[in-house]
N, C-alpha and C. Protein backbone atom coordinates (compact mmCIF):
# COMPACT_ATOMS: atom_id res chain seq x y z
N UNK A 1 169.60 75.20 25.34
CA UNK A 1 169.90 75.62 26.82
C UNK A 1 168.47 74.65 27.57
N UNK A 2 169.09 73.99 28.34
CA UNK A 2 168.16 73.07 29.14
C UNK A 2 167.40 74.02 30.24
N UNK A 3 166.09 73.57 30.23
CA UNK A 3 165.37 74.25 31.23
C UNK A 3 165.58 73.81 32.78
N UNK A 4 165.61 74.78 33.53
CA UNK A 4 165.72 74.22 34.82
C UNK A 4 164.26 73.73 35.51
N UNK A 5 164.39 72.54 35.91
CA UNK A 5 163.20 71.90 36.75
C UNK A 5 163.55 71.63 38.07
N UNK A 6 162.89 71.93 39.18
CA UNK A 6 163.30 71.92 40.52
C UNK A 6 163.00 70.40 40.99
N UNK A 7 162.24 69.83 40.11
CA UNK A 7 161.96 68.23 40.40
C UNK A 7 162.71 67.26 39.79
N UNK A 8 163.76 67.81 39.06
CA UNK A 8 164.69 66.89 38.27
C UNK A 8 166.14 66.82 39.01
N UNK A 9 166.66 65.76 39.12
CA UNK A 9 167.93 65.40 39.99
C UNK A 9 168.92 65.71 38.70
N UNK A 10 170.24 65.64 39.25
CA UNK A 10 171.38 65.99 38.18
C UNK A 10 171.41 64.85 37.18
N UNK A 11 170.97 63.66 37.44
CA UNK A 11 171.18 62.53 36.39
C UNK A 11 169.95 62.58 35.38
N UNK A 12 169.03 63.66 35.46
CA UNK A 12 167.93 63.77 34.61
C UNK A 12 166.71 63.06 35.10
N UNK A 13 166.83 62.26 36.04
CA UNK A 13 165.61 61.59 36.60
C UNK A 13 164.69 62.45 37.54
N UNK A 14 163.43 62.16 37.43
CA UNK A 14 162.61 63.08 38.16
C UNK A 14 162.54 62.48 39.60
N UNK A 15 162.38 63.42 40.59
CA UNK A 15 162.10 63.06 42.00
C UNK A 15 160.87 62.52 42.11
N UNK A 16 160.44 61.67 43.03
CA UNK A 16 159.16 61.27 43.21
C UNK A 16 158.41 62.37 44.26
N UNK A 17 157.24 62.60 43.99
CA UNK A 17 156.18 63.64 44.89
C UNK A 17 156.20 62.84 46.18
N UNK A 18 156.37 63.47 47.31
CA UNK A 18 156.40 63.05 48.48
C UNK A 18 155.57 64.14 49.36
N UNK A 19 154.23 63.69 49.61
CA UNK A 19 153.58 64.79 50.33
C UNK A 19 153.89 64.86 51.82
N UNK A 20 153.51 66.09 52.35
CA UNK A 20 153.86 66.44 53.66
C UNK A 20 153.14 65.59 54.60
N UNK A 21 153.80 65.50 55.94
CA UNK A 21 153.23 64.63 56.74
C UNK A 21 152.05 65.26 57.47
N UNK A 22 151.03 64.47 58.09
CA UNK A 22 149.95 65.23 58.84
C UNK A 22 150.35 66.11 59.76
N UNK A 23 151.47 65.93 60.66
CA UNK A 23 152.04 66.82 61.55
C UNK A 23 152.59 68.18 60.88
N UNK A 24 153.26 68.09 59.72
CA UNK A 24 153.48 69.24 59.24
C UNK A 24 152.34 70.14 58.67
N UNK A 25 151.29 69.27 58.05
CA UNK A 25 150.08 69.96 57.62
C UNK A 25 149.33 70.83 58.65
N UNK A 26 149.21 69.98 59.88
CA UNK A 26 148.69 70.64 61.09
C UNK A 26 149.51 71.88 61.45
N UNK A 27 150.70 71.84 61.45
CA UNK A 27 151.33 73.03 61.72
C UNK A 27 151.23 74.21 60.75
N UNK A 28 151.11 73.90 59.54
CA UNK A 28 151.11 74.89 58.66
C UNK A 28 149.63 75.45 58.66
N UNK A 29 148.43 74.78 59.12
CA UNK A 29 147.21 75.39 59.39
C UNK A 29 147.36 76.26 60.59
N UNK A 30 148.23 76.00 61.65
CA UNK A 30 148.22 76.82 62.80
C UNK A 30 149.01 78.09 62.23
N UNK A 31 149.87 77.98 61.39
CA UNK A 31 150.67 79.13 60.84
C UNK A 31 149.66 80.16 60.09
N UNK A 32 148.87 79.43 59.28
CA UNK A 32 147.89 80.12 58.44
C UNK A 32 146.80 81.04 59.33
N UNK A 33 146.49 80.44 60.39
CA UNK A 33 145.44 81.03 61.46
C UNK A 33 146.17 82.18 61.91
N UNK A 34 147.57 82.13 62.44
CA UNK A 34 148.17 83.27 62.89
C UNK A 34 148.31 84.27 61.87
N UNK A 35 148.75 84.00 60.61
CA UNK A 35 148.81 84.97 59.50
C UNK A 35 147.59 85.77 59.44
N UNK A 36 146.43 85.01 59.47
CA UNK A 36 145.18 85.79 59.33
C UNK A 36 145.11 86.71 60.42
N UNK A 37 145.28 86.17 61.67
CA UNK A 37 145.29 87.30 62.79
C UNK A 37 146.15 88.42 62.66
N UNK A 38 147.28 88.13 62.35
CA UNK A 38 148.33 89.43 62.08
C UNK A 38 147.81 90.29 61.02
N UNK A 39 147.36 89.85 60.08
CA UNK A 39 146.82 90.75 59.08
C UNK A 39 145.52 91.52 59.62
N UNK A 40 144.69 90.72 60.26
CA UNK A 40 143.60 91.57 60.86
C UNK A 40 143.98 92.69 61.91
N UNK A 41 144.90 92.41 62.66
CA UNK A 41 145.52 93.38 63.74
C UNK A 41 146.13 94.47 62.96
N UNK A 42 146.92 94.23 62.02
CA UNK A 42 147.58 95.09 61.30
C UNK A 42 146.47 96.23 60.41
N UNK A 43 145.48 95.60 60.03
CA UNK A 43 144.63 96.38 59.21
C UNK A 43 143.93 97.16 60.30
N UNK A 44 143.53 96.78 61.40
CA UNK A 44 142.80 97.36 62.38
C UNK A 44 143.71 98.73 62.94
N UNK A 45 144.90 98.33 63.04
CA UNK A 45 145.87 99.43 63.44
C UNK A 45 145.93 100.61 62.29
N UNK A 46 145.91 100.18 61.16
CA UNK A 46 145.94 101.13 59.84
C UNK A 46 144.67 101.93 59.68
N UNK A 47 143.51 101.16 60.01
CA UNK A 47 142.18 101.84 59.86
C UNK A 47 141.94 102.84 61.12
N UNK A 48 142.45 102.55 62.21
CA UNK A 48 141.86 103.18 63.33
C UNK A 48 143.10 104.19 64.13
N UNK A 49 144.25 103.73 63.83
CA UNK A 49 145.38 104.51 64.31
C UNK A 49 145.59 103.97 65.72
N UNK A 50 145.04 103.07 66.36
CA UNK A 50 145.31 102.54 67.74
C UNK A 50 145.37 101.05 67.67
N UNK A 51 146.57 100.65 68.37
CA UNK A 51 146.59 99.08 68.51
C UNK A 51 145.47 98.53 69.57
N UNK A 52 145.41 97.25 69.19
CA UNK A 52 144.51 96.53 70.23
C UNK A 52 145.44 95.91 71.25
N UNK A 53 144.96 96.12 72.54
CA UNK A 53 145.80 95.41 73.66
C UNK A 53 144.83 94.36 74.38
N UNK A 54 145.54 93.79 75.35
CA UNK A 54 144.84 92.59 75.95
C UNK A 54 144.51 91.52 75.40
N UNK A 55 145.35 91.16 74.42
CA UNK A 55 145.04 90.01 73.28
C UNK A 55 145.60 88.66 73.61
N UNK A 56 146.71 88.79 74.69
CA UNK A 56 147.44 87.57 74.78
C UNK A 56 146.63 86.37 75.07
N UNK A 57 145.57 86.36 75.90
CA UNK A 57 144.86 85.12 75.87
C UNK A 57 144.06 84.45 74.69
N UNK A 58 143.66 85.53 73.92
CA UNK A 58 143.07 85.13 72.66
C UNK A 58 144.12 84.61 71.67
N UNK A 59 145.39 85.17 71.65
CA UNK A 59 146.34 84.64 70.84
C UNK A 59 146.98 83.35 71.10
N UNK A 60 146.73 83.00 72.39
CA UNK A 60 147.15 81.58 72.84
C UNK A 60 146.41 80.63 72.40
N UNK A 61 145.08 80.83 71.95
CA UNK A 61 144.09 79.87 71.81
C UNK A 61 144.59 78.93 70.31
N UNK A 62 145.05 79.57 69.41
CA UNK A 62 145.29 78.56 67.97
C UNK A 62 146.40 77.67 68.58
N UNK A 63 147.46 78.15 69.28
CA UNK A 63 148.55 77.33 69.70
C UNK A 63 148.24 76.19 70.57
N UNK A 64 147.40 76.50 71.35
CA UNK A 64 146.90 75.50 72.47
C UNK A 64 146.03 74.21 71.82
N UNK A 65 145.08 74.77 70.91
CA UNK A 65 144.28 73.85 70.04
C UNK A 65 145.08 73.14 69.15
N UNK A 66 145.99 73.83 68.59
CA UNK A 66 147.03 73.17 67.58
C UNK A 66 147.93 71.95 68.25
N UNK A 67 148.43 72.43 69.32
CA UNK A 67 149.23 71.45 70.23
C UNK A 67 148.52 70.39 70.55
N UNK A 68 147.24 70.26 71.01
CA UNK A 68 146.48 69.20 71.23
C UNK A 68 146.29 68.37 70.03
N UNK A 69 146.21 68.96 68.85
CA UNK A 69 145.82 68.25 67.52
C UNK A 69 147.14 67.45 67.09
N UNK A 70 148.28 68.28 67.20
CA UNK A 70 149.59 67.60 66.82
C UNK A 70 149.88 66.44 67.78
N UNK A 71 149.72 66.70 69.07
CA UNK A 71 149.86 65.28 70.19
C UNK A 71 149.16 64.28 69.38
N UNK A 72 147.78 64.41 69.22
CA UNK A 72 147.10 63.31 68.69
C UNK A 72 147.38 62.72 67.46
N UNK A 73 147.81 63.59 66.41
CA UNK A 73 148.26 63.26 65.19
C UNK A 73 149.52 62.44 65.20
N UNK A 74 150.45 62.93 66.14
CA UNK A 74 151.70 62.23 66.34
C UNK A 74 151.65 60.76 66.80
N UNK A 75 150.50 60.79 67.81
CA UNK A 75 150.48 59.38 68.46
C UNK A 75 149.71 58.47 67.20
N UNK A 76 148.91 59.15 66.56
CA UNK A 76 148.35 58.15 65.49
C UNK A 76 149.29 57.77 64.55
N UNK A 77 150.32 58.44 64.01
CA UNK A 77 151.08 58.32 62.76
C UNK A 77 152.49 57.61 63.57
N UNK A 78 152.93 57.92 64.51
CA UNK A 78 154.21 57.40 64.81
C UNK A 78 154.05 56.47 66.29
N UNK A 79 153.02 56.58 67.01
CA UNK A 79 152.95 55.85 68.22
C UNK A 79 153.51 56.46 69.44
N UNK A 80 154.05 57.73 69.17
CA UNK A 80 154.57 58.37 70.16
C UNK A 80 153.77 59.76 70.45
N UNK A 81 153.55 60.11 71.41
CA UNK A 81 153.99 59.86 72.81
C UNK A 81 153.40 58.58 73.61
N UNK A 82 152.58 58.04 72.95
CA UNK A 82 151.67 57.03 73.68
C UNK A 82 150.25 57.48 73.76
N UNK A 83 149.37 56.51 73.67
CA UNK A 83 147.83 56.68 73.51
C UNK A 83 147.56 57.76 74.74
N UNK A 84 147.55 57.23 76.10
CA UNK A 84 147.13 58.12 77.00
C UNK A 84 147.76 59.44 77.36
N UNK A 85 149.00 59.42 77.09
CA UNK A 85 149.98 60.71 77.06
C UNK A 85 149.43 61.76 76.07
N UNK A 86 149.01 61.13 74.93
CA UNK A 86 148.50 62.16 73.88
C UNK A 86 147.32 62.54 74.19
N UNK A 87 146.37 61.62 74.81
CA UNK A 87 145.16 62.07 75.24
C UNK A 87 145.01 63.05 76.22
N UNK A 88 145.83 63.13 77.19
CA UNK A 88 146.11 63.86 78.32
C UNK A 88 146.52 65.08 77.77
N UNK A 89 147.74 65.06 77.01
CA UNK A 89 148.15 66.55 76.52
C UNK A 89 146.95 67.26 75.69
N UNK A 90 146.13 66.55 75.04
CA UNK A 90 145.17 67.15 74.06
C UNK A 90 144.27 67.84 75.17
N UNK A 91 143.64 67.00 76.12
CA UNK A 91 142.66 67.37 76.96
C UNK A 91 143.16 68.60 77.85
N UNK A 92 144.61 68.59 78.32
CA UNK A 92 145.01 69.87 79.08
C UNK A 92 145.08 71.01 78.14
N UNK A 93 145.74 70.68 76.87
CA UNK A 93 145.77 72.01 75.95
C UNK A 93 144.41 72.69 75.55
N UNK A 94 143.42 71.69 75.32
CA UNK A 94 141.98 72.13 75.01
C UNK A 94 141.17 72.65 76.23
N UNK A 95 141.56 72.24 77.36
CA UNK A 95 141.07 72.98 78.62
C UNK A 95 141.61 74.29 78.86
N UNK A 96 142.96 74.39 78.51
CA UNK A 96 143.41 75.76 78.74
C UNK A 96 142.91 76.59 77.56
N UNK A 97 142.85 76.15 76.45
CA UNK A 97 142.14 77.02 75.24
C UNK A 97 140.84 77.50 75.73
N UNK A 98 140.12 76.63 76.21
CA UNK A 98 138.74 76.82 76.62
C UNK A 98 138.75 77.84 77.85
N UNK A 99 139.63 77.84 78.72
CA UNK A 99 139.85 78.92 79.87
C UNK A 99 140.34 80.17 79.30
N UNK A 100 141.11 80.13 78.24
CA UNK A 100 141.80 81.27 77.74
C UNK A 100 140.90 82.11 76.69
N UNK A 101 139.90 81.27 76.11
CA UNK A 101 139.12 82.00 74.91
C UNK A 101 138.12 83.00 75.53
N UNK A 102 137.46 82.80 76.71
CA UNK A 102 136.38 83.86 77.40
C UNK A 102 137.27 85.11 77.71
N UNK A 103 138.54 84.82 78.35
CA UNK A 103 139.27 86.04 78.75
C UNK A 103 139.85 86.85 77.48
N UNK A 104 140.10 86.17 76.35
CA UNK A 104 140.64 86.88 75.38
C UNK A 104 139.65 87.76 74.65
N UNK A 105 138.27 87.07 74.83
CA UNK A 105 137.23 87.89 74.08
C UNK A 105 136.76 89.06 74.97
N UNK A 106 136.89 88.92 76.09
CA UNK A 106 136.78 89.87 77.15
C UNK A 106 137.86 91.12 76.86
N UNK A 107 139.07 90.70 76.76
CA UNK A 107 140.29 91.59 76.29
C UNK A 107 139.97 92.38 75.23
N UNK A 108 139.33 91.48 73.97
CA UNK A 108 139.15 92.23 72.72
C UNK A 108 137.89 93.29 72.86
N UNK A 109 136.98 92.85 73.65
CA UNK A 109 135.86 93.76 73.80
C UNK A 109 136.29 94.94 74.76
N UNK A 110 137.22 94.77 75.34
CA UNK A 110 137.69 96.11 76.42
C UNK A 110 138.25 97.08 75.43
N UNK A 111 138.64 96.78 74.21
CA UNK A 111 139.38 97.73 73.26
C UNK A 111 138.15 98.32 72.56
N UNK A 112 137.05 97.84 72.35
CA UNK A 112 135.95 98.36 71.47
C UNK A 112 134.93 99.13 72.15
N UNK A 113 134.68 98.78 73.20
CA UNK A 113 133.79 99.50 74.14
C UNK A 113 134.33 100.69 75.08
N UNK A 114 133.60 101.76 75.00
CA UNK A 114 134.03 102.60 75.98
C UNK A 114 135.43 103.43 75.70
């Protein structure tokens, strides 16, 4: 009985290894950050019995930072959306993240104090 190898084609030849693109890797890291956040929020709910509220600004930060990074990576690897458009996108996203982060921290602290 032949062993099943996911890297083999039907003709018996091995498929070449193709690593993920830098954009896919950046998106994977954003997903990992969100999964850690979800695990922490769920653990807090189980430990205390109360959910955390007012976290929308804090939850937007990883997406905003990641979108700026993806824009720059996409420009460096494909040449699109263009140098200045990518820089502008990154600057706007990171400024929005910098604006959102203190509000998110205040929202988090409003759950813990008082």
